[in-house]
PDB file of all heavy atoms in Angstrom:
ATOM      1  N   ARG A   1     -75.119-167.338  48.094  1.00  0.00           N
ATOM      2  CA  ARG A   1     -76.555-167.572  47.813  1.00  0.00           C
ATOM      3  C   ARG A   1     -76.718-168.294  46.505  1.00  0.00           C
ATOM      4  O   ARG A   1     -77.592-169.136  46.349  1.00  0.00           O
ATOM      5  CB  ARG A   1     -77.306-166.201  47.775  1.00  0.00           C
ATOM      6  CG  ARG A   1     -78.810-166.417  47.713  1.00  0.00           C
ATOM      7  CD  ARG A   1     -79.551-165.136  47.488  1.00  0.00           C
ATOM      8  NE  ARG A   1     -79.475-164.634  46.135  1.00  0.00           N
ATOM      9  CZ  ARG A   1     -80.208-165.110  45.113  1.00  0.00           C
ATOM     10  NH1 ARG A   1     -81.100-166.083  45.282  1.00  0.00           N
ATOM     11  NH2 ARG A   1     -80.053-164.589  43.932  1.00  0.00           N
ATOM     12  N   ILE A   2     -75.890-167.929  45.503  1.00  0.00           N
ATOM     13  CA  ILE A   2     -75.901-168.661  44.196  1.00  0.00           C
ATOM     14  C   ILE A   2     -74.509-169.046  43.837  1.00  0.00           C
ATOM     15  O   ILE A   2     -73.520-168.474  44.322  1.00  0.00           O
ATOM     16  CB  ILE A   2     -76.537-167.761  43.134  1.00  0.00           C
ATOM     17  CG1 ILE A   2     -75.706-166.487  42.921  1.00  0.00           C
ATOM     18  CG2 ILE A   2     -77.986-167.405  43.419  1.00  0.00           C
ATOM     19  CD1 ILE A   2     -76.143-165.665  41.771  1.00  0.00           C
ATOM     20  N   ALA A   3     -74.394-169.993  42.936  1.00  0.00           N
ATOM     21  CA  ALA A   3     -73.092-170.441  42.407  1.00  0.00           C
ATOM     22  C   ALA A   3     -72.755-169.675  41.125  1.00  0.00           C
ATOM     23  O   ALA A   3     -73.603-169.428  40.290  1.00  0.00           O
ATOM     24  CB  ALA A   3     -73.142-171.897  42.131  1.00  0.00           C
ATOM     25  N   ALA A   4     -71.478-169.298  41.005  1.00  0.00           N
ATOM     26  CA  ALA A   4     -71.009-168.637  39.791  1.00  0.00           C
ATOM     27  C   ALA A   4     -70.124-169.606  39.029  1.00  0.00           C
ATOM     28  O   ALA A   4     -69.180-170.180  39.566  1.00  0.00           O
ATOM     29  CB  ALA A   4     -70.202-167.392  40.159  1.00  0.00           C
ATOM     30  N   THR A   5     -70.454-169.799  37.771  1.00  0.00           N
ATOM     31  CA  THR A   5     -69.663-170.707  36.912  1.00  0.00           C
ATOM     32  C   THR A   5     -69.203-169.945  35.667  1.00  0.00           C
ATOM     33  O   THR A   5     -70.015-169.273  35.013  1.00  0.00           O
ATOM     34  CB  THR A   5     -70.578-171.883  36.442  1.00  0.00           C
ATOM     35  OG1 THR A   5     -70.967-172.649  37.628  1.00  0.00           O
ATOM     36  CG2 THR A   5     -69.737-172.779  35.533  1.00  0.00           C
ATOM     37  N   LEU A   6     -67.928-170.108  35.412  1.00  0.00           N
ATOM     38  CA  LEU A   6     -67.329-169.418  34.222  1.00  0.00           C
ATOM     39  C   LEU A   6     -67.194-170.414  33.068  1.00  0.00           C
ATOM     40  O   LEU A   6     -66.465-171.360  33.124  1.00  0.00           O
ATOM     41  CB  LEU A   6     -65.972-168.812  34.554  1.00  0.00           C
ATOM     42  CG  LEU A   6     -65.926-167.799  35.703  1.00  0.00           C
ATOM     43  CD1 LEU A   6     -64.507-167.245  35.822  1.00  0.00           C
ATOM     44  CD2 LEU A   6     -66.957-166.684  35.520  1.00  0.00           C
ATOM     45  N   ALA A   7     -67.879-170.080  31.941  1.00  0.00           N
ATOM     46  CA  ALA A   7     -67.664-170.796  30.667  1.00  0.00           C
ATOM     47  C   ALA A   7     -66.982-169.748  29.763  1.00  0.00           C
ATOM     48  O   ALA A   7     -67.552-169.213  28.839  1.00  0.00           O
ATOM     49  CB  ALA A   7     -68.985-171.258  30.099  1.00  0.00           C
ATOM     50  N   THR A   8     -65.711-169.525  30.058  1.00  0.00           N
ATOM     51  CA  THR A   8     -64.924-168.504  29.363  1.00  0.00           C
ATOM     52  C   THR A   8     -63.576-169.056  28.908  1.00  0.00           C
ATOM     53  O   THR A   8     -63.371-170.317  28.999  1.00  0.00           O
ATOM     54  CB  THR A   8     -64.678-167.304  30.317  1.00  0.00           C
ATOM     55  OG1 THR A   8     -63.830-167.727  31.433  1.00  0.00           O
ATOM     56  CG2 THR A   8     -65.982-166.783  30.948  1.00  0.00           C
ATOM     57  N   GLY A   9     -62.698-168.213  28.526  1.00  0.00           N
ATOM     58  CA  GLY A   9     -61.310-168.646  28.213  1.00  0.00           C
ATOM     59  C   GLY A   9     -60.440-168.701  29.387  1.00  0.00           C
ATOM     60  O   GLY A   9     -59.209-168.928  29.219  1.00  0.00           O
ATOM     61  N   ILE A  10     -60.991-168.537  30.601  1.00  0.00           N
ATOM     62  CA  ILE A  10     -60.149-168.670  31.773  1.00  0.00           C
ATOM     63  C   ILE A  10     -60.108-170.168  32.192  1.00  0.00           C
ATOM     64  O   ILE A  10     -61.126-170.901  32.232  1.00  0.00           O
ATOM     65  CB  ILE A  10     -60.834-167.854  32.948  1.00  0.00           C
ATOM     66  CG1 ILE A  10     -60.851-166.377  32.530  1.00  0.00           C
ATOM     67  CG2 ILE A  10     -60.063-168.052  34.273  1.00  0.00           C
ATOM     68  CD1 ILE A  10     -61.634-165.480  33.491  1.00  0.00           C
ATOM     69  N   SER A  11     -58.944-170.665  32.490  1.00  0.00           N
ATOM     70  CA  SER A  11     -58.679-172.083  32.669  1.00  0.00           C
ATOM     71  C   SER A  11     -59.344-172.687  33.828  1.00  0.00           C
ATOM     72  O   SER A  11     -59.639-171.918  34.874  1.00  0.00           O
ATOM     73  CB  SER A  11     -57.150-172.356  32.708  1.00  0.00           C
ATOM     74  OG  SER A  11     -56.632-171.892  33.952  1.00  0.00           O
ATOM     75  N   PRO A  12     -59.506-174.014  33.915  1.00  0.00           N
ATOM     76  CA  PRO A  12     -60.069-174.690  35.086  1.00  0.00           C
ATOM     77  C   PRO A  12     -59.230-174.383  36.342  1.00  0.00           C
ATOM     78  O   PRO A  12     -59.705-174.193  37.450  1.00  0.00           O
ATOM     79  CB  PRO A  12     -60.032-176.142  34.747  1.00  0.00           C
ATOM     80  CG  PRO A  12     -60.081-176.158  33.254  1.00  0.00           C
ATOM     81  CD  PRO A  12     -59.336-174.970  32.826  1.00  0.00           C
ATOM     82  N   HIS A  13     -57.868-174.427  36.203  1.00  0.00           N
ATOM     83  CA  HIS A  13     -56.971-174.148  37.306  1.00  0.00           C
ATOM     84  C   HIS A  13     -57.174-172.767  37.840  1.00  0.00           C
ATOM     85  O   HIS A  13     -57.235-172.561  39.029  1.00  0.00           O
ATOM     86  CB  HIS A  13     -55.508-174.398  36.861  1.00  0.00           C
ATOM     87  CG  HIS A  13     -54.494-173.921  37.880  1.00  0.00           C
ATOM     88  ND1 HIS A  13     -54.258-174.675  39.062  1.00  0.00           N
ATOM     89  CD2 HIS A  13     -53.745-172.809  37.962  1.00  0.00           C
ATOM     90  CE1 HIS A  13     -53.333-174.007  39.776  1.00  0.00           C
ATOM     91  NE2 HIS A  13     -53.012-172.938  39.121  1.00  0.00           N
ATOM     92  N   ALA A  14     -57.264-171.785  36.955  1.00  0.00           N
ATOM     93  CA  ALA A  14     -57.473-170.394  37.408  1.00  0.00           C
ATOM     94  C   ALA A  14     -58.803-170.236  38.100  1.00  0.00           C
ATOM     95  O   ALA A  14     -58.886-169.499  39.040  1.00  0.00           O
ATOM     96  CB  ALA A  14     -57.354-169.461  36.192  1.00  0.00           C
ATOM     97  N   CYS A  15     -59.843-170.916  37.626  1.00  0.00           N
ATOM     98  CA  CYS A  15     -61.105-170.841  38.248  1.00  0.00           C
ATOM     99  C   CYS A  15     -61.068-171.395  39.637  1.00  0.00           C
ATOM    100  O   CYS A  15     -61.662-170.803  40.600  1.00  0.00           O
ATOM    101  CB  CYS A  15     -62.167-171.578  37.411  1.00  0.00           C
ATOM    102  SG  CYS A  15     -62.680-170.712  35.910  1.00  0.00           S
ATOM    103  N   ARG A  16     -60.431-172.517  39.819  1.00  0.00           N
ATOM    104  CA  ARG A  16     -60.322-173.092  41.211  1.00  0.00           C
ATOM    105  C   ARG A  16     -59.572-172.113  42.079  1.00  0.00           C
ATOM    106  O   ARG A  16     -59.929-171.894  43.289  1.00  0.00           O
ATOM    107  CB  ARG A  16     -59.593-174.421  41.148  1.00  0.00           C
ATOM    108  CG  ARG A  16     -60.372-175.596  40.548  1.00  0.00           C
ATOM    109  CD  ARG A  16     -59.718-176.927  40.871  1.00  0.00           C
ATOM    110  NE  ARG A  16     -58.403-177.003  40.190  1.00  0.00           N
ATOM    111  CZ  ARG A  16     -58.268-177.466  38.956  1.00  0.00           C
ATOM    112  NH1 ARG A  16     -59.293-177.833  38.215  1.00  0.00           N
ATOM    113  NH2 ARG A  16     -57.016-177.511  38.428  1.00  0.00           N
ATOM    114  N   LYS A  17     -58.531-171.474  41.569  1.00  0.00           N
ATOM    115  CA  LYS A  17     -57.726-170.573  42.395  1.00  0.00           C
ATOM    116  C   LYS A  17     -58.526-169.381  42.838  1.00  0.00           C
ATOM    117  O   LYS A  17     -58.286-168.854  43.968  1.00  0.00           O
ATOM    118  CB  LYS A  17     -56.470-170.105  41.562  1.00  0.00           C
ATOM    119  CG  LYS A  17     -55.526-169.283  42.330  1.00  0.00           C
ATOM    120  CD  LYS A  17     -54.281-168.942  41.485  1.00  0.00           C
ATOM    121  CE  LYS A  17     -53.305-168.079  42.256  1.00  0.00           C
ATOM    122  NZ  LYS A  17     -52.120-167.728  41.457  1.00  0.00           N
ATOM    123  N   ILE A  18     -59.413-168.892  42.030  1.00  0.00           N
ATOM    124  CA  ILE A  18     -60.201-167.709  42.382  1.00  0.00           C
ATOM    125  C   ILE A  18     -61.527-168.016  42.968  1.00  0.00           C
ATOM    126  O   ILE A  18     -62.353-167.138  43.220  1.00  0.00           O
ATOM    127  CB  ILE A  18     -60.338-166.761  41.178  1.00  0.00           C
ATOM    128  CG1 ILE A  18     -61.076-167.460  40.064  1.00  0.00           C
ATOM    129  CG2 ILE A  18     -59.028-166.186  40.704  1.00  0.00           C
ATOM    130  CD1 ILE A  18     -61.431-166.575  38.879  1.00  0.00           C
ATOM    131  N   ASN A  19     -61.779-169.290  43.233  1.00  0.00           N
ATOM    132  CA  ASN A  19     -62.974-169.717  44.016  1.00  0.00           C
ATOM    133  C   ASN A  19     -64.283-169.588  43.204  1.00  0.00           C
ATOM    134  O   ASN A  19     -65.309-169.212  43.789  1.00  0.00           O
ATOM    135  CB  ASN A  19     -63.093-168.899  45.274  1.00  0.00           C
ATOM    136  CG  ASN A  19     -64.039-169.485  46.313  1.00  0.00           C
ATOM    137  OD1 ASN A  19     -64.187-170.678  46.385  1.00  0.00           O
ATOM    138  ND2 ASN A  19     -64.733-168.590  47.016  1.00  0.00           N
ATOM    139  N   VAL A  20     -64.211-169.933  41.900  1.00  0.00           N
ATOM    140  CA  VAL A  20     -65.431-170.078  41.112  1.00  0.00           C
ATOM    141  C   VAL A  20     -65.447-171.376  40.352  1.00  0.00           C
ATOM    142  O   VAL A  20     -64.348-172.020  40.195  1.00  0.00           O
ATOM    143  CB  VAL A  20     -65.593-168.883  40.129  1.00  0.00           C
ATOM    144  CG1 VAL A  20     -65.767-167.575  40.863  1.00  0.00           C
ATOM    145  CG2 VAL A  20     -64.465-168.823  39.149  1.00  0.00           C
ATOM    146  N   SER A  21     -66.573-171.796  39.876  1.00  0.00           N
ATOM    147  CA  SER A  21     -66.694-173.069  39.145  1.00  0.00           C
ATOM    148  C   SER A  21     -66.320-172.846  37.677  1.00  0.00           C
ATOM    149  O   SER A  21     -66.364-171.726  37.182  1.00  0.00           O
ATOM    150  CB  SER A  21     -68.095-173.671  39.283  1.00  0.00           C
ATOM    151  OG  SER A  21     -68.399-173.933  40.605  1.00  0.00           O
ATOM    152  N   TYR A  22     -65.978-173.943  37.037  1.00  0.00           N
ATOM    153  CA  TYR A  22     -65.528-173.865  35.658  1.00  0.00           C
ATOM    154  C   TYR A  22     -66.487-174.819  34.764  1.00  0.00           C
ATOM    155  O   TYR A  22     -66.915-175.897  35.178  1.00  0.00           O
ATOM    156  CB  TYR A  22     -64.105-174.398  35.459  1.00  0.00           C
ATOM    157  CG  TYR A  22     -63.689-174.606  34.027  1.00  0.00           C
ATOM    158  CD1 TYR A  22     -63.247-173.535  33.289  1.00  0.00           C
ATOM    159  CD2 TYR A  22     -63.718-175.878  33.439  1.00  0.00           C
ATOM    160  CE1 TYR A  22     -62.819-173.699  31.948  1.00  0.00           C
ATOM    161  CE2 TYR A  22     -63.323-176.072  32.127  1.00  0.00           C
ATOM    162  CZ  TYR A  22     -62.861-174.958  31.395  1.00  0.00           C
ATOM    163  OH  TYR A  22     -62.500-175.182  30.097  1.00  0.00           O
ATOM    164  N   SER A  23     -66.788-174.278  33.584  1.00  0.00           N
ATOM    165  CA  SER A  23     -67.493-175.138  32.591  1.00  0.00           C
ATOM    166  C   SER A  23     -66.801-174.897  31.290  1.00  0.00           C
ATOM    167  O   SER A  23     -66.481-173.778  30.884  1.00  0.00           O
ATOM    168  CB  SER A  23     -68.971-174.713  32.516  1.00  0.00           C
ATOM    169  OG  SER A  23     -69.607-175.517  31.492  1.00  0.00           O
ATOM    170  N   ASP A  24     -66.508-176.017  30.584  1.00  0.00           N
ATOM    171  CA  ASP A  24     -65.825-175.862  29.303  1.00  0.00           C
ATOM    172  C   ASP A  24     -66.686-175.178  28.249  1.00  0.00           C
ATOM    173  O   ASP A  24     -67.740-175.748  27.866  1.00  0.00           O
ATOM    174  CB  ASP A  24     -65.420-177.253  28.818  1.00  0.00           C
ATOM    175  CG  ASP A  24     -64.569-177.263  27.599  1.00  0.00           C
ATOM    176  OD1 ASP A  24     -64.414-176.200  26.947  1.00  0.00           O
ATOM    177  OD2 ASP A  24     -64.058-178.316  27.189  1.00  0.00           O
ATOM    178  N   PRO A  25     -66.360-174.026  27.770  1.00  0.00           N
ATOM    179  CA  PRO A  25     -67.219-173.336  26.795  1.00  0.00           C
ATOM    180  C   PRO A  25     -67.390-174.084  25.507  1.00  0.00           C
ATOM    181  O   PRO A  25     -68.414-173.907  24.815  1.00  0.00           O
ATOM    182  CB  PRO A  25     -66.513-171.976  26.580  1.00  0.00           C
ATOM    183  CG  PRO A  25     -65.101-172.206  26.993  1.00  0.00           C
ATOM    184  CD  PRO A  25     -65.138-173.209  28.090  1.00  0.00           C
ATOM    185  N   SER A  26     -66.389-174.888  25.125  1.00  0.00           N
ATOM    186  CA  SER A  26     -66.529-175.647  23.917  1.00  0.00           C
ATOM    187  C   SER A  26     -67.576-176.755  23.933  1.00  0.00           C
ATOM    188  O   SER A  26     -68.022-177.264  22.965  1.00  0.00           O
ATOM    189  CB  SER A  26     -65.174-176.308  23.531  1.00  0.00           C
ATOM    190  OG  SER A  26     -64.829-177.324  24.462  1.00  0.00           O
ATOM    191  N   GLY A  27     -67.936-177.117  25.187  1.00  0.00           N
ATOM    192  CA  GLY A  27     -69.046-178.086  25.388  1.00  0.00           C
ATOM    193  C   GLY A  27     -70.409-177.464  25.294  1.00  0.00           C
ATOM    194  O   GLY A  27     -71.380-178.189  25.416  1.00  0.00           O
ATOM    195  N   ILE A  28     -70.451-176.117  25.102  1.00  0.00           N
ATOM    196  CA  ILE A  28     -71.761-175.462  25.006  1.00  0.00           C
ATOM    197  C   ILE A  28     -71.928-175.053  23.556  1.00  0.00           C
ATOM    198  O   ILE A  28     -71.061-174.304  22.963  1.00  0.00           O
ATOM    199  CB  ILE A  28     -71.836-174.189  25.905  1.00  0.00           C
ATOM    200  CG1 ILE A  28     -71.642-174.645  27.390  1.00  0.00           C
ATOM    201  CG2 ILE A  28     -73.130-173.442  25.752  1.00  0.00           C
ATOM    202  CD1 ILE A  28     -71.569-173.494  28.376  1.00  0.00           C
ATOM    203  N   ASN A  29     -72.987-175.426  22.942  1.00  0.00           N
ATOM    204  CA  ASN A  29     -73.228-175.057  21.522  1.00  0.00           C
ATOM    205  C   ASN A  29     -73.878-173.695  21.443  1.00  0.00           C
ATOM    206  O   ASN A  29     -74.986-173.533  21.900  1.00  0.00           O
ATOM    207  CB  ASN A  29     -74.157-176.121  20.881  1.00  0.00           C
ATOM    208  CG  ASN A  29     -74.349-175.891  19.414  1.00  0.00           C
ATOM    209  OD1 ASN A  29     -73.964-174.871  18.895  1.00  0.00           O
ATOM    210  ND2 ASN A  29     -75.012-176.840  18.711  1.00  0.00           N
TER     211      ASN A  29
END
């Protein structure tokens, strides 16, 4: 129903593996 995106210390590769989206937390002020 909704998308889940992680802006955490979990890597982009790990996010893809577990079926969630990734956002670089360093790009968020």
